């Protein structure tokens, strides 16, 4: 319970820490990339919507209500693709932001403990690739778990819990990405990382849930969620690692 309270407190303290470390420019990094991705999906949805309408027009005689039907088809396609975007955005956005997250996470640790890291270009590339790999693996596991949960929607009563279960599963897996940058610097292997995540699953699931809720705030969330989350997660991860060392002594 204390650890879950910790993640909430670190999210609340993150804006102040960001100003203190002079990292406010970081809001625009995640925000601009997020808007670009959203714009690309919007353009693709319009393109596909027009293609679907053309095929629909060839099959049915819709001359009388052409404008209305065309608008409806494009609207439905856009909403569907934007919905798909929100499902896939975590992998796309967090994968693209891997170098940014790695840098911010390192700056946060340096601000707390004064730790200096002097990585070579090769090591930095390895960290970035590991971050993208973690995001990809988490997405695959998340997708499989989500499909299983969706299948439960056919069971009466249990189907009422499906949206909550999907939210919890996605929140847990999204937290892997934010935590791994710190664990990588501490030379944690994949098995050690998995064990650490499982041990603190409730704390990190809550953190991932906060990220998701923040991100869904129109426009503002795209800018603030990535930076606030990497700062909050890094601080909590460092505190949990320190706590674990204390218990081991």
C-alpha atoms as a PDB file:
ATOM      1  CA  UNK A   1       0.000   0.000   0.000  1.00  0.00           C
ATOM      2  CA  UNK A   2       2.859   2.393   0.810  1.00  0.00           C
ATOM      3  CA  UNK A   3       4.456   1.701  -2.561  1.00  0.00           C
ATOM      4  CA  UNK A   4       1.185   2.449  -4.364  1.00  0.00           C
ATOM      5  CA  UNK A   5       0.955   5.703  -2.439  1.00  0.00           C
ATOM      6  CA  UNK A   6       4.541   6.407  -3.499  1.00  0.00           C
ATOM      7  CA  UNK A   7       3.745   6.217  -7.233  1.00  0.00           C
ATOM      8  CA  UNK A   8       0.843   8.646  -6.792  1.00  0.00           C
ATOM      9  CA  UNK A   9       3.035  11.070  -4.846  1.00  0.00           C
ATOM     10  CA  UNK A  10       5.792  10.911  -7.458  1.00  0.00           C
ATOM     11  CA  UNK A  11       3.315  11.702 -10.225  1.00  0.00           C
ATOM     12  CA  UNK A  12       2.130  14.699  -8.224  1.00  0.00           C
ATOM     13  CA  UNK A  13       5.724  15.803  -7.554  1.00  0.00           C
ATOM     14  CA  UNK A  14       6.903  15.206 -11.134  1.00  0.00           C
ATOM     15  CA  UNK A  15       6.009  18.690 -12.520  1.00  0.00           C
ATOM     16  CA  UNK A  16       8.057  20.353  -9.769  1.00  0.00           C
ATOM     17  CA  UNK A  17      10.995  17.990 -10.358  1.00  0.00           C
ATOM     18  CA  UNK A  18      10.846  18.646 -14.099  1.00  0.00           C
ATOM     19  CA  UNK A  19      11.053  22.401 -13.543  1.00  0.00           C
ATOM     20  CA  UNK A  20      13.868  21.920 -11.030  1.00  0.00           C
ATOM     21  CA  UNK A  21      15.903  19.872 -13.513  1.00  0.00           C
ATOM     22  CA  UNK A  22      15.061  22.326 -16.339  1.00  0.00           C
ATOM     23  CA  UNK A  23      13.475  19.594 -18.447  1.00  0.00           C
ATOM     24  CA  UNK A  24      10.246  21.388 -19.358  1.00  0.00           C
ATOM     25  CA  UNK A  25      11.299  21.213 -23.002  1.00  0.00           C
ATOM     26  CA  UNK A  26      10.669  17.472 -22.717  1.00  0.00           C
ATOM     27  CA  UNK A  27       6.912  18.031 -22.758  1.00  0.00           C
ATOM     28  CA  UNK A  28       7.163  19.018 -26.406  1.00  0.00           C
ATOM     29  CA  UNK A  29       9.150  15.938 -27.433  1.00  0.00           C
ATOM     30  CA  UNK A  30       6.428  13.440 -26.547  1.00  0.00           C
ATOM     31  CA  UNK A  31       3.690  15.874 -27.529  1.00  0.00           C
ATOM     32  CA  UNK A  32       4.945  16.668 -31.026  1.00  0.00           C
ATOM     33  CA  UNK A  33       5.676  13.002 -31.813  1.00  0.00           C
ATOM     34  CA  UNK A  34       2.267  12.000 -30.458  1.00  0.00           C
ATOM     35  CA  UNK A  35       0.507  14.611 -32.586  1.00  0.00           C
ATOM     36  CA  UNK A  36       2.460  13.510 -35.670  1.00  0.00           C
ATOM     37  CA  UNK A  37       1.379   9.902 -35.103  1.00  0.00           C
ATOM     38  CA  UNK A  38      -2.222  11.003 -34.590  1.00  0.00           C
ATOM     39  CA  UNK A  39      -2.043  13.101 -37.757  1.00  0.00           C
ATOM     40  CA  UNK A  40      -0.661  10.177 -39.763  1.00  0.00           C
ATOM     41  CA  UNK A  41      -3.459   7.900 -38.551  1.00  0.00           C
ATOM     42  CA  UNK A  42      -6.030  10.594 -39.364  1.00  0.00           C
ATOM     43  CA  UNK A  43      -4.648  10.936 -42.907  1.00  0.00           C
ATOM     44  CA  UNK A  44      -4.616   7.156 -43.386  1.00  0.00           C
ATOM     45  CA  UNK A  45      -8.192   6.903 -42.067  1.00  0.00           C
ATOM     46  CA  UNK A  46      -9.367   9.535 -44.579  1.00  0.00           C
ATOM     47  CA  UNK A  47      -7.583   7.724 -47.420  1.00  0.00           C
ATOM     48  CA  UNK A  48      -9.041   4.349 -46.482  1.00  0.00           C
ATOM     49  CA  UNK A  49     -12.474   5.893 -45.885  1.00  0.00           C
ATOM     50  CA  UNK A  50     -12.524   7.290 -49.436  1.00  0.00           C
ATOM     51  CA  UNK A  51     -11.424   3.916 -50.847  1.00  0.00           C
ATOM     52  CA  UNK A  52     -14.180   2.109 -48.938  1.00  0.00           C
ATOM     53  CA  UNK A  53     -16.758   4.629 -50.184  1.00  0.00           C
ATOM     54  CA  UNK A  54     -15.669   4.168 -53.811  1.00  0.00           C
ATOM     55  CA  UNK A  55     -16.071   0.393 -53.514  1.00  0.00           C
ATOM     56  CA  UNK A  56     -19.407   0.832 -51.740  1.00  0.00           C
ATOM     57  CA  UNK A  57     -20.580   3.149 -54.511  1.00  0.00           C
ATOM     58  CA  UNK A  58     -19.712   0.571 -57.170  1.00  0.00           C
ATOM     59  CA  UNK A  59     -21.823  -2.089 -55.472  1.00  0.00           C
ATOM     60  CA  UNK A  60     -24.876  -0.035 -54.463  1.00  0.00           C
ATOM     61  CA  UNK A  61     -26.810   2.729 -56.166  1.00  0.00           C
ATOM     62  CA  UNK A  62     -26.410   5.560 -53.659  1.00  0.00           C
ATOM     63  CA  UNK A  63     -26.592   8.599 -55.925  1.00  0.00           C
ATOM     64  CA  UNK A  64     -29.542  10.076 -54.039  1.00  0.00           C
ATOM     65  CA  UNK A  65     -27.794  10.266 -50.652  1.00  0.00           C
ATOM     66  CA  UNK A  66     -24.194  10.173 -51.818  1.00  0.00           C
ATOM     67  CA  UNK A  67     -22.857  13.060 -49.682  1.00  0.00           C
ATOM     68  CA  UNK A  68     -24.410  11.786 -46.450  1.00  0.00           C
ATOM     69  CA  UNK A  69     -23.377   8.163 -46.990  1.00  0.00           C
ATOM     70  CA  UNK A  70     -19.844   9.193 -47.979  1.00  0.00           C
ATOM     71  CA  UNK A  71     -19.531  11.244 -44.783  1.00  0.00           C
ATOM     72  CA  UNK A  72     -20.882   8.373 -42.646  1.00  0.00           C
ATOM     73  CA  UNK A  73     -18.490   5.819 -44.142  1.00  0.00           C
ATOM     74  CA  UNK A  74     -15.434   8.043 -43.750  1.00  0.00           C
ATOM     75  CA  UNK A  75     -16.487   8.933 -40.192  1.00  0.00           C
ATOM     76  CA  UNK A  76     -16.877   5.260 -39.208  1.00  0.00           C
ATOM     77  CA  UNK A  77     -13.516   4.341 -40.745  1.00  0.00           C
ATOM     78  CA  UNK A  78     -11.799   7.276 -39.021  1.00  0.00           C
ATOM     79  CA  UNK A  79     -13.230   6.395 -35.623  1.00  0.00           C
ATOM     80  CA  UNK A  80     -12.235   2.746 -36.096  1.00  0.00           C
ATOM     81  CA  UNK A  81      -8.653   3.569 -37.077  1.00  0.00           C
ATOM     82  CA  UNK A  82      -8.241   6.154 -34.316  1.00  0.00           C
ATOM     83  CA  UNK A  83      -9.477   3.494 -31.896  1.00  0.00           C
ATOM     84  CA  UNK A  84      -6.829   1.129 -33.280  1.00  0.00           C
ATOM     85  CA  UNK A  85      -4.288   3.931 -32.911  1.00  0.00           C
ATOM     86  CA  UNK A  86      -5.055   4.258 -29.205  1.00  0.00           C
ATOM     87  CA  UNK A  87      -4.479   0.529 -28.828  1.00  0.00           C
ATOM     88  CA  UNK A  88      -1.211   0.519 -30.745  1.00  0.00           C
ATOM     89  CA  UNK A  89       0.043   3.954 -29.704  1.00  0.00           C
ATOM     90  CA  UNK A  90       1.860   2.603 -26.666  1.00  0.00           C
ATOM     91  CA  UNK A  91       4.195   0.476 -28.751  1.00  0.00           C
ATOM     92  CA  UNK A  92       4.645   3.111 -31.458  1.00  0.00           C
ATOM     93  CA  UNK A  93       5.073   6.113 -29.185  1.00  0.00           C
ATOM     94  CA  UNK A  94       7.107   4.464 -26.446  1.00  0.00           C
ATOM     95  CA  UNK A  95       9.342   2.741 -28.990  1.00  0.00           C
ATOM     96  CA  UNK A  96      10.059   6.014 -30.811  1.00  0.00           C
ATOM     97  CA  UNK A  97      10.639   7.813 -27.496  1.00  0.00           C
ATOM     98  CA  UNK A  98      13.148   5.193 -26.250  1.00  0.00           C
ATOM     99  CA  UNK A  99      16.241   7.470 -26.649  1.00  0.00           C
ATOM    100  CA  UNK A 100      14.370  10.345 -24.956  1.00  0.00           C
ATOM    101  CA  UNK A 101      13.201   8.178 -22.045  1.00  0.00           C
ATOM    102  CA  UNK A 102      16.683   6.746 -21.567  1.00  0.00           C
ATOM    103  CA  UNK A 103      18.146  10.260 -21.330  1.00  0.00           C
ATOM    104  CA  UNK A 104      15.466  11.575 -18.939  1.00  0.00           C
ATOM    105  CA  UNK A 105      15.684   8.518 -16.691  1.00  0.00           C
ATOM    106  CA  UNK A 106      19.455   8.966 -16.430  1.00  0.00           C
ATOM    107  CA  UNK A 107      19.050  12.687 -15.632  1.00  0.00           C
ATOM    108  CA  UNK A 108      16.577  11.883 -12.844  1.00  0.00           C
ATOM    109  CA  UNK A 109      18.991   9.422 -11.222  1.00  0.00           C
ATOM    110  CA  UNK A 110      21.837  11.926 -11.544  1.00  0.00           C
ATOM    111  CA  UNK A 111      19.688  14.581  -9.873  1.00  0.00           C
ATOM    112  CA  UNK A 112      18.901  12.291  -6.906  1.00  0.00           C
ATOM    113  CA  UNK A 113      22.167  10.445  -6.329  1.00  0.00           C
ATOM    114  CA  UNK A 114      24.666  12.382  -8.421  1.00  0.00           C
ATOM    115  CA  UNK A 115      25.391   9.203 -10.366  1.00  0.00           C
ATOM    116  CA  UNK A 116      27.324   9.815 -13.575  1.00  0.00           C
ATOM    117  CA  UNK A 117      27.084   7.426 -16.505  1.00  0.00           C
ATOM    118  CA  UNK A 118      29.515   7.614 -19.404  1.00  0.00           C
ATOM    119  CA  UNK A 119      28.106   5.254 -21.996  1.00  0.00           C
ATOM    120  CA  UNK A 120      29.645   4.683 -25.404  1.00  0.00           C
ATOM    121  CA  UNK A 121      27.591   5.094 -28.561  1.00  0.00           C
ATOM    122  CA  UNK A 122      27.427   1.306 -28.834  1.00  0.00           C
ATOM    123  CA  UNK A 123      26.060   0.969 -25.289  1.00  0.00           C
ATOM    124  CA  UNK A 124      23.503   3.726 -25.860  1.00  0.00           C
ATOM    125  CA  UNK A 125      22.275   1.993 -28.996  1.00  0.00           C
ATOM    126  CA  UNK A 126      22.032  -1.247 -27.042  1.00  0.00           C
ATOM    127  CA  UNK A 127      19.892   0.467 -24.390  1.00  0.00           C
ATOM    128  CA  UNK A 128      17.617   1.952 -27.044  1.00  0.00           C
ATOM    129  CA  UNK A 129      17.208  -1.395 -28.811  1.00  0.00           C
ATOM    130  CA  UNK A 130      16.485  -3.082 -25.486  1.00  0.00           C
ATOM    131  CA  UNK A 131      13.824  -0.471 -24.740  1.00  0.00           C
ATOM    132  CA  UNK A 132      12.176  -1.057 -28.113  1.00  0.00           C
ATOM    133  CA  UNK A 133      12.440  -4.821 -27.618  1.00  0.00           C
ATOM    134  CA  UNK A 134      10.815  -4.596 -24.195  1.00  0.00           C
ATOM    135  CA  UNK A 135       7.994  -2.455 -25.628  1.00  0.00           C
ATOM    136  CA  UNK A 136       7.463  -4.967 -28.445  1.00  0.00           C
ATOM    137  CA  UNK A 137       7.402  -8.008 -26.145  1.00  0.00           C
ATOM    138  CA  UNK A 138       5.078  -6.263 -23.719  1.00  0.00           C
ATOM    139  CA  UNK A 139       2.738  -5.385 -26.573  1.00  0.00           C
ATOM    140  CA  UNK A 140       2.579  -9.001 -27.769  1.00  0.00           C
ATOM    141  CA  UNK A 141       1.824 -10.287 -24.257  1.00  0.00           C
ATOM    142  CA  UNK A 142      -0.682  -7.487 -23.740  1.00  0.00           C
ATOM    143  CA  UNK A 143      -2.436  -8.305 -27.023  1.00  0.00           C
ATOM    144  CA  UNK A 144      -2.708 -12.008 -26.168  1.00  0.00           C
ATOM    145  CA  UNK A 145      -4.057 -11.220 -22.682  1.00  0.00           C
ATOM    146  CA  UNK A 146      -6.512  -8.692 -24.150  1.00  0.00           C
ATOM    147  CA  UNK A 147      -7.829 -11.232 -26.686  1.00  0.00           C
ATOM    148  CA  UNK A 148      -8.363 -13.779 -23.900  1.00  0.00           C
ATOM    149  CA  UNK A 149     -10.223 -11.186 -21.819  1.00  0.00           C
ATOM    150  CA  UNK A 150     -12.365 -10.143 -24.796  1.00  0.00           C
ATOM    151  CA  UNK A 151     -13.404 -13.801 -25.189  1.00  0.00           C
ATOM    152  CA  UNK A 152     -14.742 -13.614 -21.629  1.00  0.00           C
ATOM    153  CA  UNK A 153     -17.205 -10.958 -22.801  1.00  0.00           C
ATOM    154  CA  UNK A 154     -19.441 -13.772 -24.050  1.00  0.00           C
ATOM    155  CA  UNK A 155     -19.930 -15.027 -20.494  1.00  0.00           C
ATOM    156  CA  UNK A 156     -22.848 -13.310 -18.694  1.00  0.00           C
ATOM    157  CA  UNK A 157     -21.955 -11.196 -15.642  1.00  0.00           C
ATOM    158  CA  UNK A 158     -18.217 -11.692 -16.232  1.00  0.00           C
ATOM    159  CA  UNK A 159     -18.556  -9.533 -19.348  1.00  0.00           C
ATOM    160  CA  UNK A 160     -19.268  -6.575 -17.070  1.00  0.00           C
ATOM    161  CA  UNK A 161     -15.681  -6.791 -15.794  1.00  0.00           C
ATOM    162  CA  UNK A 162     -14.075  -6.966 -19.240  1.00  0.00           C
ATOM    163  CA  UNK A 163     -13.362  -3.199 -19.659  1.00  0.00           C
ATOM    164  CA  UNK A 164     -11.779  -3.057 -16.190  1.00  0.00           C
ATOM    165  CA  UNK A 165      -9.669  -6.170 -16.820  1.00  0.00           C
ATOM    166  CA  UNK A 166      -8.444  -4.817 -20.165  1.00  0.00           C
ATOM    167  CA  UNK A 167      -7.499  -1.519 -18.540  1.00  0.00           C
ATOM    168  CA  UNK A 168      -5.565  -3.303 -15.748  1.00  0.00           C
ATOM    169  CA  UNK A 169      -3.723  -5.608 -18.169  1.00  0.00           C
ATOM    170  CA  UNK A 170      -2.711  -2.745 -20.445  1.00  0.00           C
ATOM    171  CA  UNK A 171      -1.651  -0.627 -17.454  1.00  0.00           C
ATOM    172  CA  UNK A 172       0.600  -3.411 -16.156  1.00  0.00           C
ATOM    173  CA  UNK A 173       2.354  -4.110 -19.438  1.00  0.00           C
ATOM    174  CA  UNK A 174       2.848  -0.453 -20.319  1.00  0.00           C
ATOM    175  CA  UNK A 175       4.784   0.011 -17.064  1.00  0.00           C
ATOM    176  CA  UNK A 176       7.506  -2.377 -18.291  1.00  0.00           C
ATOM    177  CA  UNK A 177       8.787   0.257 -20.684  1.00  0.00           C
ATOM    178  CA  UNK A 178       9.070   3.000 -18.074  1.00  0.00           C
ATOM    179  CA  UNK A 179      10.785   0.760 -15.494  1.00  0.00           C
ATOM    180  CA  UNK A 180      13.289  -0.971 -17.754  1.00  0.00           C
ATOM    181  CA  UNK A 181      15.509   2.056 -18.450  1.00  0.00           C
ATOM    182  CA  UNK A 182      16.523   2.158 -14.790  1.00  0.00           C
ATOM    183  CA  UNK A 183      16.913  -1.610 -14.489  1.00  0.00           C
ATOM    184  CA  UNK A 184      19.084  -1.688 -17.601  1.00  0.00           C
ATOM    185  CA  UNK A 185      21.511   0.791 -16.060  1.00  0.00           C
ATOM    186  CA  UNK A 186      21.632  -1.441 -12.985  1.00  0.00           C
ATOM    187  CA  UNK A 187      22.577  -4.410 -15.217  1.00  0.00           C
ATOM    188  CA  UNK A 188      19.363  -6.327 -14.573  1.00  0.00           C
ATOM    189  CA  UNK A 189      18.853  -9.282 -16.892  1.00  0.00           C
ATOM    190  CA  UNK A 190      15.488 -10.217 -18.401  1.00  0.00           C
ATOM    191  CA  UNK A 191      14.687 -12.745 -15.649  1.00  0.00           C
ATOM    192  CA  UNK A 192      15.626 -10.297 -12.889  1.00  0.00           C
ATOM    193  CA  UNK A 193      13.521  -7.602 -14.543  1.00  0.00           C
ATOM    194  CA  UNK A 194      10.521  -9.910 -14.749  1.00  0.00           C
ATOM    195  CA  UNK A 195      10.891 -10.911 -11.097  1.00  0.00           C
ATOM    196  CA  UNK A 196      11.174  -7.253 -10.040  1.00  0.00           C
ATOM    197  CA  UNK A 197       8.063  -6.346 -12.061  1.00  0.00           C
ATOM    198  CA  UNK A 198       6.031  -9.192 -10.573  1.00  0.00           C
ATOM    199  CA  UNK A 199       7.111  -8.296  -7.061  1.00  0.00           C
ATOM    200  CA  UNK A 200       5.865  -4.724  -7.548  1.00  0.00           C
ATOM    201  CA  UNK A 201       3.029  -5.430  -9.968  1.00  0.00           C
ATOM    202  CA  UNK A 202       0.354  -3.503  -8.064  1.00  0.00           C
ATOM    203  CA  UNK A 203       2.502  -0.384  -7.804  1.00  0.00           C
ATOM    204  CA  UNK A 204       3.499  -0.436 -11.465  1.00  0.00           C
ATOM    205  CA  UNK A 205      -0.014  -1.302 -12.665  1.00  0.00           C
ATOM    206  CA  UNK A 206      -1.281   1.776 -10.837  1.00  0.00           C
ATOM    207  CA  UNK A 207       1.471   3.853 -12.461  1.00  0.00           C
ATOM    208  CA  UNK A 208       0.618   2.505 -15.903  1.00  0.00           C
ATOM    209  CA  UNK A 209      -3.044   3.275 -15.268  1.00  0.00           C
ATOM    210  CA  UNK A 210      -2.216   6.872 -14.363  1.00  0.00           C
ATOM    211  CA  UNK A 211      -0.200   7.205 -17.586  1.00  0.00           C
ATOM    212  CA  UNK A 212      -3.097   5.875 -19.658  1.00  0.00           C
ATOM    213  CA  UNK A 213      -5.643   8.170 -18.007  1.00  0.00           C
ATOM    214  CA  UNK A 214      -3.352  11.172 -18.465  1.00  0.00           C
ATOM    215  CA  UNK A 215      -2.709  10.321 -22.106  1.00  0.00           C
ATOM    216  CA  UNK A 216      -6.434  10.213 -22.873  1.00  0.00           C
ATOM    217  CA  UNK A 217      -6.872  13.850 -21.816  1.00  0.00           C
ATOM    218  CA  UNK A 218      -7.448  15.536 -25.216  1.00  0.00           C
ATOM    219  CA  UNK A 219      -4.284  17.197 -26.590  1.00  0.00           C
ATOM    220  CA  UNK A 220      -2.865  18.057 -23.141  1.00  0.00           C
ATOM    221  CA  UNK A 221      -2.340  14.393 -22.268  1.00  0.00           C
ATOM    222  CA  UNK A 222      -0.208  13.796 -25.357  1.00  0.00           C
ATOM    223  CA  UNK A 223       2.226  16.442 -24.132  1.00  0.00           C
ATOM    224  CA  UNK A 224       2.364  15.789 -20.393  1.00  0.00           C
ATOM    225  CA  UNK A 225       1.866  12.023 -19.946  1.00  0.00           C
ATOM    226  CA  UNK A 226       5.195  10.696 -21.363  1.00  0.00           C
ATOM    227  CA  UNK A 227       7.491  13.066 -19.443  1.00  0.00           C
ATOM    228  CA  UNK A 228       5.573  12.924 -16.141  1.00  0.00           C
ATOM    229  CA  UNK A 229       5.521   9.126 -16.327  1.00  0.00           C
ATOM    230  CA  UNK A 230       9.209   8.517 -17.017  1.00  0.00           C
ATOM    231  CA  UNK A 231      10.159  10.885 -14.170  1.00  0.00           C
ATOM    232  CA  UNK A 232       7.689   9.314 -11.710  1.00  0.00           C
ATOM    233  CA  UNK A 233       8.540   5.729 -12.670  1.00  0.00           C
ATOM    234  CA  UNK A 234      12.281   6.341 -12.486  1.00  0.00           C
ATOM    235  CA  UNK A 235      12.071   7.814  -8.986  1.00  0.00           C
ATOM    236  CA  UNK A 236       9.833   4.994  -7.733  1.00  0.00           C
ATOM    237  CA  UNK A 237      12.026   2.315  -9.310  1.00  0.00           C
ATOM    238  CA  UNK A 238      15.145   3.784  -7.701  1.00  0.00           C
ATOM    239  CA  UNK A 239      13.431   3.909  -4.305  1.00  0.00           C
ATOM    240  CA  UNK A 240      12.252   0.302  -4.611  1.00  0.00           C
ATOM    241  CA  UNK A 241      15.742  -0.842  -5.605  1.00  0.00           C
ATOM    242  CA  UNK A 242      17.194   0.991  -2.630  1.00  0.00           C
ATOM    243  CA  UNK A 243      14.541  -0.556  -0.376  1.00  0.00           C
ATOM    244  CA  UNK A 244      15.392  -4.028  -1.678  1.00  0.00           C
ATOM    245  CA  UNK A 245      19.092  -3.480  -0.990  1.00  0.00           C
ATOM    246  CA  UNK A 246      18.232  -2.369   2.526  1.00  0.00           C
ATOM    247  CA  UNK A 247      16.225  -5.519   3.127  1.00  0.00           C
ATOM    248  CA  UNK A 248      19.091  -7.609   1.850  1.00  0.00           C
ATOM    249  CA  UNK A 249      21.661  -6.115   4.228  1.00  0.00           C
END
